[in-house]
Amino acid sequence: MAKPNYSFEKRQREIAKKKKQDEKAAKKQSAKDAANPPAEPGRDPGASHTP
């Protein structure tokens, strides 16, 4: 019987964990972008409307 390659299994778990974290971060970022639409170009959001 072949001996198990634990380092390969560990690497596969690490890759899966990283992929899951990246997907979660991307989902979180898209939710953040949807909640805060980008400001209009050419306008300063902190500027007042008085002349």
N, C-alpha and C. Protein backbone atom coordinates (compact mmCIF):
# COMPACT_ATOMS: atom_id res chain seq x y z
N MET A 1 0.84 -1.18 0.00
CA MET A 1 0.00 0.00 0.00
C MET A 1 0.89 1.25 0.00
N ALA A 2 0.50 2.25 -0.77
CA ALA A 2 1.27 3.49 -0.86
C ALA A 2 1.11 4.32 0.40
N LYS A 3 2.17 5.01 0.73
CA LYS A 3 2.12 5.83 1.93
C LYS A 3 1.45 7.18 1.61
N PRO A 4 0.62 7.69 2.49
CA PRO A 4 -0.10 8.94 2.21
C PRO A 4 0.84 10.15 2.14
N ASN A 5 0.52 11.04 1.23
CA ASN A 5 1.31 12.25 1.05
C ASN A 5 0.59 13.39 1.79
N TYR A 6 0.94 13.55 3.04
CA TYR A 6 0.25 14.54 3.87
C TYR A 6 0.52 15.97 3.42
N SER A 7 1.70 16.24 2.90
CA SER A 7 2.01 17.61 2.47
C SER A 7 1.14 18.00 1.27
N PHE A 8 0.85 17.05 0.38
CA PHE A 8 -0.04 17.33 -0.75
C PHE A 8 -1.45 17.63 -0.25
N GLU A 9 -1.94 16.82 0.70
CA GLU A 9 -3.27 17.03 1.24
C GLU A 9 -3.36 18.38 1.95
N LYS A 10 -2.31 18.73 2.70
CA LYS A 10 -2.29 20.01 3.40
C LYS A 10 -2.33 21.15 2.40
N ARG A 11 -1.54 21.04 1.34
CA ARG A 11 -1.51 22.10 0.31
C ARG A 11 -2.88 22.25 -0.35
N GLN A 12 -3.55 21.13 -0.61
CA GLN A 12 -4.88 21.19 -1.22
C GLN A 12 -5.87 21.88 -0.28
N ARG A 13 -5.79 21.60 1.03
CA ARG A 13 -6.65 22.27 2.01
C ARG A 13 -6.37 23.77 2.04
N GLU A 14 -5.08 24.14 1.99
CA GLU A 14 -4.71 25.55 2.00
C GLU A 14 -5.24 26.27 0.76
N ILE A 15 -5.15 25.62 -0.39
CA ILE A 15 -5.65 26.21 -1.64
C ILE A 15 -7.16 26.40 -1.56
N ALA A 16 -7.87 25.40 -1.05
CA ALA A 16 -9.33 25.49 -0.91
C ALA A 16 -9.71 26.60 0.06
N LYS A 17 -8.97 26.72 1.15
CA LYS A 17 -9.25 27.75 2.15
C LYS A 17 -9.02 29.14 1.54
N LYS A 18 -7.93 29.31 0.81
CA LYS A 18 -7.63 30.60 0.18
C LYS A 18 -8.69 30.96 -0.84
N LYS A 19 -9.15 29.98 -1.62
CA LYS A 19 -10.17 30.21 -2.63
C LYS A 19 -11.47 30.67 -1.95
N LYS A 20 -11.82 30.02 -0.86
CA LYS A 20 -13.04 30.38 -0.13
C LYS A 20 -12.93 31.80 0.43
N GLN A 21 -11.76 32.15 0.97
CA GLN A 21 -11.55 33.50 1.50
C GLN A 21 -11.64 34.54 0.39
N ASP A 22 -11.06 34.25 -0.77
CA ASP A 22 -11.12 35.18 -1.90
C ASP A 22 -12.55 35.39 -2.37
N GLU A 23 -13.33 34.29 -2.44
CA GLU A 23 -14.73 34.40 -2.85
C GLU A 23 -15.51 35.24 -1.85
N LYS A 24 -15.26 35.03 -0.57
CA LYS A 24 -15.94 35.79 0.47
C LYS A 24 -15.58 37.28 0.37
N ALA A 25 -14.30 37.58 0.15
CA ALA A 25 -13.86 38.96 0.02
C ALA A 25 -14.48 39.63 -1.21
N ALA A 26 -14.57 38.89 -2.32
CA ALA A 26 -15.16 39.44 -3.53
C ALA A 26 -16.66 39.70 -3.32
N LYS A 27 -17.33 38.79 -2.64
CA LYS A 27 -18.75 38.96 -2.36
C LYS A 27 -18.97 40.17 -1.45
N LYS A 28 -18.11 40.31 -0.45
CA LYS A 28 -18.20 41.43 0.48
C LYS A 28 -17.96 42.75 -0.26
N GLN A 29 -16.97 42.77 -1.16
CA GLN A 29 -16.65 43.98 -1.91
C GLN A 29 -17.79 44.35 -2.84
N SER A 30 -18.41 43.38 -3.50
CA SER A 30 -19.52 43.68 -4.40
C SER A 30 -20.72 44.21 -3.63
N ALA A 31 -20.94 43.68 -2.44
CA ALA A 31 -22.04 44.18 -1.60
C ALA A 31 -21.75 45.61 -1.16
N LYS A 32 -20.50 45.89 -0.85
CA LYS A 32 -20.10 47.24 -0.45
C LYS A 32 -20.27 48.21 -1.62
N ASP A 33 -19.89 47.81 -2.80
CA ASP A 33 -20.02 48.65 -3.99
C ASP A 33 -21.49 48.93 -4.31
N ALA A 34 -22.34 47.93 -4.11
CA ALA A 34 -23.76 48.11 -4.39
C ALA A 34 -24.39 49.06 -3.38
N ALA A 35 -23.93 49.03 -2.14
CA ALA A 35 -24.48 49.89 -1.09
C ALA A 35 -24.03 51.33 -1.26
N ASN A 36 -22.82 51.53 -1.76
CA ASN A 36 -22.28 52.88 -1.94
C ASN A 36 -21.99 53.13 -3.41
N PRO A 37 -22.96 53.68 -4.16
CA PRO A 37 -22.71 53.95 -5.58
C PRO A 37 -21.62 55.01 -5.72
N PRO A 38 -20.85 54.95 -6.76
CA PRO A 38 -19.75 55.92 -6.94
C PRO A 38 -20.30 57.34 -7.11
N ALA A 39 -19.54 58.32 -6.63
CA ALA A 39 -19.94 59.72 -6.75
C ALA A 39 -19.88 60.15 -8.21
N GLU A 40 -20.62 61.23 -8.53
CA GLU A 40 -20.59 61.73 -9.89
C GLU A 40 -19.21 62.28 -10.19
N PRO A 41 -18.67 62.02 -11.37
CA PRO A 41 -17.35 62.54 -11.71
C PRO A 41 -17.40 64.08 -11.83
N GLY A 42 -16.36 64.72 -11.35
CA GLY A 42 -16.28 66.17 -11.47
C GLY A 42 -16.90 66.89 -10.28
N ARG A 43 -17.54 66.17 -9.38
CA ARG A 43 -18.14 66.81 -8.20
C ARG A 43 -17.40 66.37 -6.96
N ASP A 44 -17.19 67.31 -6.07
CA ASP A 44 -16.56 67.01 -4.80
C ASP A 44 -17.67 66.71 -3.80
N PRO A 45 -17.74 65.51 -3.27
CA PRO A 45 -18.85 65.18 -2.36
C PRO A 45 -18.85 66.02 -1.08
N GLY A 46 -17.70 66.59 -0.70
CA GLY A 46 -17.64 67.40 0.50
C GLY A 46 -17.93 68.87 0.26
N ALA A 47 -18.02 69.28 -0.99
CA ALA A 47 -18.23 70.68 -1.31
C ALA A 47 -19.69 71.08 -1.08
N SER A 48 -19.89 72.30 -0.63
CA SER A 48 -21.25 72.78 -0.42
C SER A 48 -21.80 73.33 -1.72
N HIS A 49 -23.11 73.56 -1.78
CA HIS A 49 -23.76 74.03 -3.01
C HIS A 49 -23.87 75.54 -3.07
N THR A 50 -23.36 76.27 -2.08
CA THR A 50 -23.47 77.72 -2.09
C THR A 50 -22.40 78.32 -3.00
N PRO A 51 -22.73 79.36 -3.76
CA PRO A 51 -21.73 79.97 -4.68
C PRO A 51 -20.74 80.85 -3.98
